[in-house]
Amino acid sequence: MTSNPFNAELGLRVLATIETDRTRWDQTRWVTRNECGTAYCFAGLTCELTGHDLSQATGAVLSGLGTDHVESIPATAGRELGLTGRAEYAATVLFQGSNTLDELRDIVTGYAEAATMAELITVAEDYDIERDDE
């Protein structure tokens, strides 16, 4: 059985950052400038908190491997959170632009509590199904 790859410590830190300063959060955009500075979605804030240089113009992350090497914000955030490969679907659910703060709390908590990869995927599927029923 494969263990849960989710980086719960980072996921909870991103969530705490959003809850502490909501002006830094806008789930509908990867990165945007607002009257209070810069706001990020969950994926964008994950990248910012892990030291990545985000480009507002392109929605890309400059990887540090040279200016010609860029990676998408969701790919970088997914990698930082351990949500790659089979767990990529869980990243897609977490990064949806329609997620409210309450939904993000539920998703992150569910992912953090999952003991295995299968449980992580089940949490993502259950959450996605509930959303489809609304």
N, C-alpha and C. Protein backbone atom coordinates (compact mmCIF):
# COMPACT_ATOMS: atom_id res chain seq x y z
N MET A 1 0.84 -1.18 0.00
CA MET A 1 0.00 0.00 0.00
C MET A 1 0.89 1.25 0.00
N THR A 2 0.57 2.19 -0.85
CA THR A 2 1.35 3.41 -0.98
C THR A 2 0.91 4.44 0.05
N SER A 3 1.88 5.06 0.71
CA SER A 3 1.55 6.07 1.72
C SER A 3 1.06 7.35 1.05
N ASN A 4 0.43 8.19 1.83
CA ASN A 4 -0.09 9.47 1.37
C ASN A 4 1.10 10.40 1.06
N PRO A 5 1.22 10.88 -0.17
CA PRO A 5 2.35 11.74 -0.53
C PRO A 5 2.16 13.22 -0.18
N PHE A 6 0.96 13.58 0.30
CA PHE A 6 0.63 14.99 0.53
C PHE A 6 1.53 15.60 1.59
N ASN A 7 2.13 16.73 1.27
CA ASN A 7 2.96 17.47 2.21
C ASN A 7 2.01 18.27 3.11
N ALA A 8 1.52 17.62 4.15
CA ALA A 8 0.52 18.22 5.03
C ALA A 8 1.05 19.47 5.73
N GLU A 9 2.31 19.45 6.11
CA GLU A 9 2.89 20.61 6.79
C GLU A 9 2.80 21.85 5.89
N LEU A 10 3.15 21.72 4.64
CA LEU A 10 3.08 22.84 3.71
C LEU A 10 1.63 23.22 3.42
N GLY A 11 0.77 22.24 3.19
CA GLY A 11 -0.64 22.53 2.93
C GLY A 11 -1.29 23.30 4.07
N LEU A 12 -1.00 22.90 5.29
CA LEU A 12 -1.55 23.60 6.46
C LEU A 12 -0.94 24.98 6.63
N ARG A 13 0.32 25.14 6.24
CA ARG A 13 0.97 26.46 6.32
C ARG A 13 0.34 27.42 5.30
N VAL A 14 0.06 26.93 4.10
CA VAL A 14 -0.60 27.77 3.09
C VAL A 14 -1.98 28.19 3.59
N LEU A 15 -2.72 27.23 4.11
CA LEU A 15 -4.05 27.52 4.65
C LEU A 15 -3.98 28.55 5.78
N ALA A 16 -3.04 28.39 6.69
CA ALA A 16 -2.88 29.34 7.81
C ALA A 16 -2.53 30.73 7.30
N THR A 17 -1.73 30.81 6.26
CA THR A 17 -1.37 32.11 5.68
C THR A 17 -2.61 32.79 5.12
N ILE A 18 -3.45 32.04 4.44
CA ILE A 18 -4.70 32.60 3.90
C ILE A 18 -5.59 33.09 5.03
N GLU A 19 -5.73 32.28 6.07
CA GLU A 19 -6.61 32.64 7.18
C GLU A 19 -6.08 33.84 7.97
N THR A 20 -4.77 34.00 8.03
CA THR A 20 -4.15 35.12 8.75
C THR A 20 -4.29 36.43 8.00
N ASP A 21 -4.17 36.38 6.67
CA ASP A 21 -4.21 37.60 5.86
C ASP A 21 -4.95 37.31 4.56
N ARG A 22 -6.25 37.48 4.59
CA ARG A 22 -7.07 37.15 3.41
C ARG A 22 -6.82 38.06 2.22
N THR A 23 -6.15 39.20 2.43
CA THR A 23 -5.83 40.07 1.30
C THR A 23 -4.79 39.42 0.39
N ARG A 24 -4.10 38.40 0.88
CA ARG A 24 -3.10 37.69 0.07
C ARG A 24 -3.70 36.55 -0.72
N TRP A 25 -5.03 36.39 -0.66
CA TRP A 25 -5.68 35.23 -1.29
C TRP A 25 -6.77 35.67 -2.27
N ASP A 26 -6.71 35.12 -3.48
CA ASP A 26 -7.76 35.27 -4.49
C ASP A 26 -7.77 33.96 -5.26
N GLN A 27 -8.69 33.07 -4.92
CA GLN A 27 -8.70 31.73 -5.50
C GLN A 27 -8.99 31.74 -7.00
N THR A 28 -9.50 32.84 -7.52
CA THR A 28 -9.89 32.88 -8.93
C THR A 28 -8.73 33.21 -9.87
N ARG A 29 -7.55 33.59 -9.32
CA ARG A 29 -6.41 33.96 -10.17
C ARG A 29 -5.12 33.38 -9.58
N TRP A 30 -4.21 32.96 -10.46
CA TRP A 30 -2.94 32.41 -9.99
C TRP A 30 -2.20 33.44 -9.15
N VAL A 31 -2.08 34.65 -9.72
CA VAL A 31 -1.40 35.75 -9.03
C VAL A 31 -1.97 37.06 -9.58
N THR A 32 -2.24 38.00 -8.70
CA THR A 32 -2.80 39.27 -9.12
C THR A 32 -2.34 40.38 -8.18
N ARG A 33 -2.25 41.56 -8.69
CA ARG A 33 -1.93 42.72 -7.85
C ARG A 33 -3.26 43.33 -7.41
N ASN A 34 -3.33 43.70 -6.14
CA ASN A 34 -4.53 44.39 -5.64
C ASN A 34 -4.09 45.58 -4.80
N GLU A 35 -5.04 46.29 -4.24
CA GLU A 35 -4.72 47.50 -3.48
C GLU A 35 -3.86 47.20 -2.25
N CYS A 36 -3.82 45.95 -1.80
CA CYS A 36 -3.05 45.58 -0.61
C CYS A 36 -1.72 44.91 -0.95
N GLY A 37 -1.42 44.75 -2.22
CA GLY A 37 -0.17 44.10 -2.61
C GLY A 37 -0.45 43.02 -3.65
N THR A 38 0.01 41.83 -3.38
CA THR A 38 -0.15 40.71 -4.31
C THR A 38 -1.01 39.64 -3.66
N ALA A 39 -1.96 39.13 -4.42
CA ALA A 39 -2.81 38.04 -3.94
C ALA A 39 -2.60 36.82 -4.82
N TYR A 40 -2.75 35.65 -4.22
CA TYR A 40 -2.52 34.39 -4.92
C TYR A 40 -3.67 33.43 -4.64
N CYS A 41 -3.86 32.48 -5.56
CA CYS A 41 -4.74 31.35 -5.27
C CYS A 41 -3.93 30.37 -4.39
N PHE A 42 -4.54 29.27 -4.00
CA PHE A 42 -3.84 28.30 -3.16
C PHE A 42 -2.55 27.83 -3.82
N ALA A 43 -2.63 27.52 -5.12
CA ALA A 43 -1.43 27.05 -5.84
C ALA A 43 -0.37 28.14 -5.91
N GLY A 44 -0.79 29.36 -6.23
CA GLY A 44 0.16 30.47 -6.32
C GLY A 44 0.81 30.77 -4.99
N LEU A 45 0.03 30.73 -3.91
CA LEU A 45 0.58 30.99 -2.59
C LEU A 45 1.54 29.87 -2.18
N THR A 46 1.24 28.64 -2.56
CA THR A 46 2.16 27.53 -2.31
C THR A 46 3.51 27.81 -2.95
N CYS A 47 3.48 28.26 -4.20
CA CYS A 47 4.73 28.58 -4.90
C CYS A 47 5.46 29.74 -4.22
N GLU A 48 4.73 30.77 -3.87
CA GLU A 48 5.34 31.95 -3.24
C GLU A 48 5.98 31.58 -1.90
N LEU A 49 5.29 30.77 -1.09
CA LEU A 49 5.81 30.40 0.23
C LEU A 49 7.00 29.45 0.16
N THR A 50 7.17 28.79 -0.98
CA THR A 50 8.32 27.89 -1.13
C THR A 50 9.44 28.53 -1.93
N GLY A 51 9.36 29.86 -2.11
CA GLY A 51 10.47 30.61 -2.68
C GLY A 51 10.53 30.70 -4.19
N HIS A 52 9.46 30.36 -4.87
CA HIS A 52 9.47 30.44 -6.34
C HIS A 52 9.12 31.84 -6.81
N ASP A 53 9.67 32.22 -7.93
CA ASP A 53 9.45 33.52 -8.55
C ASP A 53 8.29 33.39 -9.54
N LEU A 54 7.17 34.02 -9.23
CA LEU A 54 5.99 33.90 -10.08
C LEU A 54 5.89 35.09 -11.03
N SER A 55 5.48 34.79 -12.24
CA SER A 55 5.25 35.82 -13.23
C SER A 55 3.76 36.06 -13.36
N GLN A 56 3.31 37.25 -12.98
CA GLN A 56 1.89 37.59 -13.10
C GLN A 56 1.46 37.58 -14.56
N ALA A 57 2.34 38.01 -15.44
CA ALA A 57 1.98 38.14 -16.85
C ALA A 57 1.73 36.80 -17.51
N THR A 58 2.50 35.78 -17.15
CA THR A 58 2.39 34.50 -17.85
C THR A 58 1.74 33.40 -17.01
N GLY A 59 1.58 33.62 -15.72
CA GLY A 59 1.06 32.55 -14.87
C GLY A 59 2.04 31.40 -14.76
N ALA A 60 3.33 31.70 -14.87
CA ALA A 60 4.36 30.67 -14.83
C ALA A 60 5.29 30.90 -13.66
N VAL A 61 6.04 29.87 -13.35
CA VAL A 61 7.04 29.93 -12.30
C VAL A 61 8.40 29.87 -12.96
N LEU A 62 9.25 30.82 -12.64
CA LEU A 62 10.62 30.79 -13.12
C LEU A 62 11.36 29.84 -12.20
N SER A 63 11.88 28.77 -12.75
CA SER A 63 12.35 27.65 -11.95
C SER A 63 13.70 27.83 -11.30
N GLY A 64 14.42 28.88 -11.64
CA GLY A 64 15.76 29.01 -11.10
C GLY A 64 16.79 28.28 -11.96
N LEU A 65 16.31 27.61 -13.01
CA LEU A 65 17.22 26.89 -13.91
C LEU A 65 17.60 27.76 -15.11
N GLY A 66 17.29 29.03 -15.03
CA GLY A 66 17.57 29.94 -16.13
C GLY A 66 16.27 30.58 -16.59
N THR A 67 16.37 31.73 -17.19
CA THR A 67 15.16 32.46 -17.56
C THR A 67 14.38 31.79 -18.68
N ASP A 68 15.00 30.85 -19.38
CA ASP A 68 14.27 30.17 -20.46
C ASP A 68 13.51 28.95 -19.97
N HIS A 69 13.66 28.59 -18.70
CA HIS A 69 12.97 27.41 -18.16
C HIS A 69 11.85 27.86 -17.23
N VAL A 70 10.63 27.61 -17.65
CA VAL A 70 9.48 27.95 -16.82
C VAL A 70 8.61 26.73 -16.64
N GLU A 71 7.80 26.76 -15.60
CA GLU A 71 6.90 25.67 -15.27
C GLU A 71 5.58 26.31 -14.86
N SER A 72 4.47 25.65 -15.09
CA SER A 72 3.19 26.22 -14.70
C SER A 72 3.07 26.28 -13.19
N ILE A 73 2.28 27.23 -12.72
CA ILE A 73 2.04 27.37 -11.28
C ILE A 73 1.43 26.10 -10.70
N PRO A 74 0.39 25.51 -11.31
CA PRO A 74 -0.16 24.29 -10.70
C PRO A 74 0.82 23.12 -10.70
N ALA A 75 1.67 23.02 -11.71
CA ALA A 75 2.66 21.93 -11.72
C ALA A 75 3.67 22.10 -10.59
N THR A 76 4.14 23.32 -10.40
CA THR A 76 5.10 23.59 -9.34
C THR A 76 4.47 23.38 -7.96
N ALA A 77 3.27 23.94 -7.77
CA ALA A 77 2.59 23.78 -6.47
C ALA A 77 2.28 22.32 -6.19
N GLY A 78 1.83 21.60 -7.21
CA GLY A 78 1.55 20.17 -7.03
C GLY A 78 2.79 19.41 -6.61
N ARG A 79 3.92 19.72 -7.25
CA ARG A 79 5.18 19.07 -6.89
C ARG A 79 5.58 19.40 -5.46
N GLU A 80 5.47 20.66 -5.07
CA GLU A 80 5.84 21.07 -3.71
C GLU A 80 4.94 20.39 -2.66
N LEU A 81 3.68 20.19 -3.02
CA LEU A 81 2.73 19.56 -2.09
C LEU A 81 2.76 18.03 -2.17
N GLY A 82 3.56 17.48 -3.06
CA GLY A 82 3.65 16.03 -3.22
C GLY A 82 2.50 15.45 -4.03
N LEU A 83 1.75 16.29 -4.72
CA LEU A 83 0.57 15.84 -5.47
C LEU A 83 0.91 15.71 -6.95
N THR A 84 1.71 14.70 -7.27
CA THR A 84 2.11 14.43 -8.64
C THR A 84 1.75 12.99 -8.98
N GLY A 85 1.92 12.63 -10.23
CA GLY A 85 1.62 11.26 -10.65
C GLY A 85 0.18 10.90 -10.36
N ARG A 86 -0.03 9.80 -9.66
CA ARG A 86 -1.39 9.35 -9.33
C ARG A 86 -2.14 10.36 -8.48
N ALA A 87 -1.42 11.20 -7.74
CA ALA A 87 -2.06 12.18 -6.85
C ALA A 87 -2.37 13.51 -7.56
N GLU A 88 -2.06 13.61 -8.85
CA GLU A 88 -2.29 14.86 -9.57
C GLU A 88 -3.76 15.27 -9.57
N TYR A 89 -4.65 14.29 -9.59
CA TYR A 89 -6.09 14.59 -9.53
C TYR A 89 -6.42 15.35 -8.24
N ALA A 90 -5.79 14.95 -7.13
CA ALA A 90 -6.03 15.64 -5.86
C ALA A 90 -5.59 17.10 -5.94
N ALA A 91 -4.52 17.37 -6.67
CA ALA A 91 -4.08 18.76 -6.86
C ALA A 91 -5.12 19.54 -7.65
N THR A 92 -5.67 18.92 -8.68
CA THR A 92 -6.69 19.58 -9.50
C THR A 92 -7.89 19.99 -8.65
N VAL A 93 -8.34 19.10 -7.77
CA VAL A 93 -9.47 19.42 -6.88
C VAL A 93 -9.09 20.56 -5.94
N LEU A 94 -7.90 20.50 -5.36
CA LEU A 94 -7.45 21.52 -4.41
C LEU A 94 -7.32 22.89 -5.06
N PHE A 95 -6.87 22.93 -6.30
CA PHE A 95 -6.58 24.20 -6.97
C PHE A 95 -7.76 24.81 -7.72
N GLN A 96 -8.93 24.19 -7.69
CA GLN A 96 -10.08 24.72 -8.43
C GLN A 96 -10.38 26.15 -8.02
N GLY A 97 -10.60 26.99 -9.02
CA GLY A 97 -10.83 28.41 -8.78
C GLY A 97 -12.11 28.72 -8.02
N SER A 98 -13.03 27.78 -7.98
CA SER A 98 -14.31 28.01 -7.29
C SER A 98 -14.26 27.65 -5.81
N ASN A 99 -13.14 27.10 -5.33
CA ASN A 99 -13.06 26.71 -3.91
C ASN A 99 -13.19 27.92 -2.99
N THR A 100 -14.07 27.79 -2.01
CA THR A 100 -14.18 28.81 -0.96
C THR A 100 -13.16 28.48 0.14
N LEU A 101 -13.00 29.38 1.08
CA LEU A 101 -12.08 29.12 2.19
C LEU A 101 -12.54 27.91 3.00
N ASP A 102 -13.84 27.79 3.25
CA ASP A 102 -14.35 26.62 3.97
C ASP A 102 -14.05 25.33 3.21
N GLU A 103 -14.20 25.37 1.91
CA GLU A 103 -13.90 24.18 1.10
C GLU A 103 -12.41 23.85 1.15
N LEU A 104 -11.57 24.87 1.07
CA LEU A 104 -10.13 24.62 1.18
C LEU A 104 -9.77 23.99 2.52
N ARG A 105 -10.40 24.49 3.60
CA ARG A 105 -10.16 23.90 4.92
C ARG A 105 -10.51 22.41 4.91
N ASP A 106 -11.68 22.08 4.36
CA ASP A 106 -12.12 20.68 4.33
C ASP A 106 -11.19 19.81 3.49
N ILE A 107 -10.80 20.31 2.34
CA ILE A 107 -9.93 19.54 1.44
C ILE A 107 -8.56 19.32 2.09
N VAL A 108 -7.94 20.37 2.56
CA VAL A 108 -6.60 20.25 3.16
C VAL A 108 -6.63 19.34 4.38
N THR A 109 -7.64 19.50 5.22
CA THR A 109 -7.76 18.64 6.40
C THR A 109 -7.94 17.17 5.98
N GLY A 110 -8.80 16.94 5.02
CA GLY A 110 -9.02 15.57 4.53
C GLY A 110 -7.76 14.97 3.95
N TYR A 111 -7.04 15.75 3.16
CA TYR A 111 -5.79 15.25 2.58
C TYR A 111 -4.77 14.96 3.68
N ALA A 112 -4.67 15.84 4.66
CA ALA A 112 -3.70 15.66 5.74
C ALA A 112 -4.01 14.43 6.58
N GLU A 113 -5.28 14.10 6.74
CA GLU A 113 -5.69 12.97 7.56
C GLU A 113 -5.64 11.63 6.82
N ALA A 114 -5.56 11.65 5.51
CA ALA A 114 -5.51 10.41 4.72
C ALA A 114 -4.20 9.67 5.01
N ALA A 115 -4.29 8.38 5.27
CA ALA A 115 -3.11 7.59 5.60
C ALA A 115 -2.42 7.01 4.37
N THR A 116 -3.18 6.82 3.30
CA THR A 116 -2.63 6.18 2.11
C THR A 116 -2.98 6.99 0.87
N MET A 117 -2.32 6.64 -0.23
CA MET A 117 -2.63 7.26 -1.52
C MET A 117 -4.08 7.01 -1.88
N ALA A 118 -4.56 5.80 -1.66
CA ALA A 118 -5.95 5.46 -1.98
C ALA A 118 -6.92 6.34 -1.19
N GLU A 119 -6.64 6.56 0.08
CA GLU A 119 -7.51 7.42 0.90
C GLU A 119 -7.46 8.87 0.41
N LEU A 120 -6.29 9.33 0.01
CA LEU A 120 -6.15 10.68 -0.53
C LEU A 120 -7.02 10.85 -1.77
N ILE A 121 -6.94 9.90 -2.68
CA ILE A 121 -7.73 9.96 -3.92
C ILE A 121 -9.22 9.89 -3.59
N THR A 122 -9.59 9.07 -2.62
CA THR A 122 -11.00 8.97 -2.22
C THR A 122 -11.50 10.30 -1.68
N VAL A 123 -10.71 10.99 -0.87
CA VAL A 123 -11.09 12.30 -0.36
C VAL A 123 -11.33 13.26 -1.53
N ALA A 124 -10.41 13.27 -2.48
CA ALA A 124 -10.55 14.15 -3.64
C ALA A 124 -11.81 13.80 -4.44
N GLU A 125 -12.01 12.51 -4.68
CA GLU A 125 -13.20 12.08 -5.44
C GLU A 125 -14.47 12.42 -4.71
N ASP A 126 -14.51 12.16 -3.41
CA ASP A 126 -15.72 12.46 -2.63
C ASP A 126 -16.01 13.95 -2.65
N TYR A 127 -14.99 14.75 -2.53
CA TYR A 127 -15.20 16.19 -2.54
C TYR A 127 -15.68 16.65 -3.91
N ASP A 128 -15.08 16.13 -4.96
CA ASP A 128 -15.45 16.51 -6.32
C ASP A 128 -16.89 16.07 -6.63
N ILE A 129 -17.30 14.89 -6.15
CA ILE A 129 -18.67 14.40 -6.35
C ILE A 129 -19.66 15.29 -5.62
N GLU A 130 -19.33 15.69 -4.38
CA GLU A 130 -20.22 16.58 -3.64
C GLU A 130 -20.42 17.89 -4.38
N ARG A 131 -19.37 18.41 -4.97
CA ARG A 131 -19.45 19.66 -5.72
C ARG A 131 -20.35 19.47 -6.95
N ASP A 132 -20.21 18.33 -7.62
CA ASP A 132 -21.04 18.06 -8.80
C ASP A 132 -22.51 17.97 -8.47
N ASP A 133 -22.82 17.55 -7.24
CA ASP A 133 -24.23 17.39 -6.83
C ASP A 133 -24.89 18.73 -6.52
N GLU A 134 -24.12 19.78 -6.35
CA GLU A 134 -24.70 21.08 -5.97
C GLU A 134 -25.37 21.75 -7.15
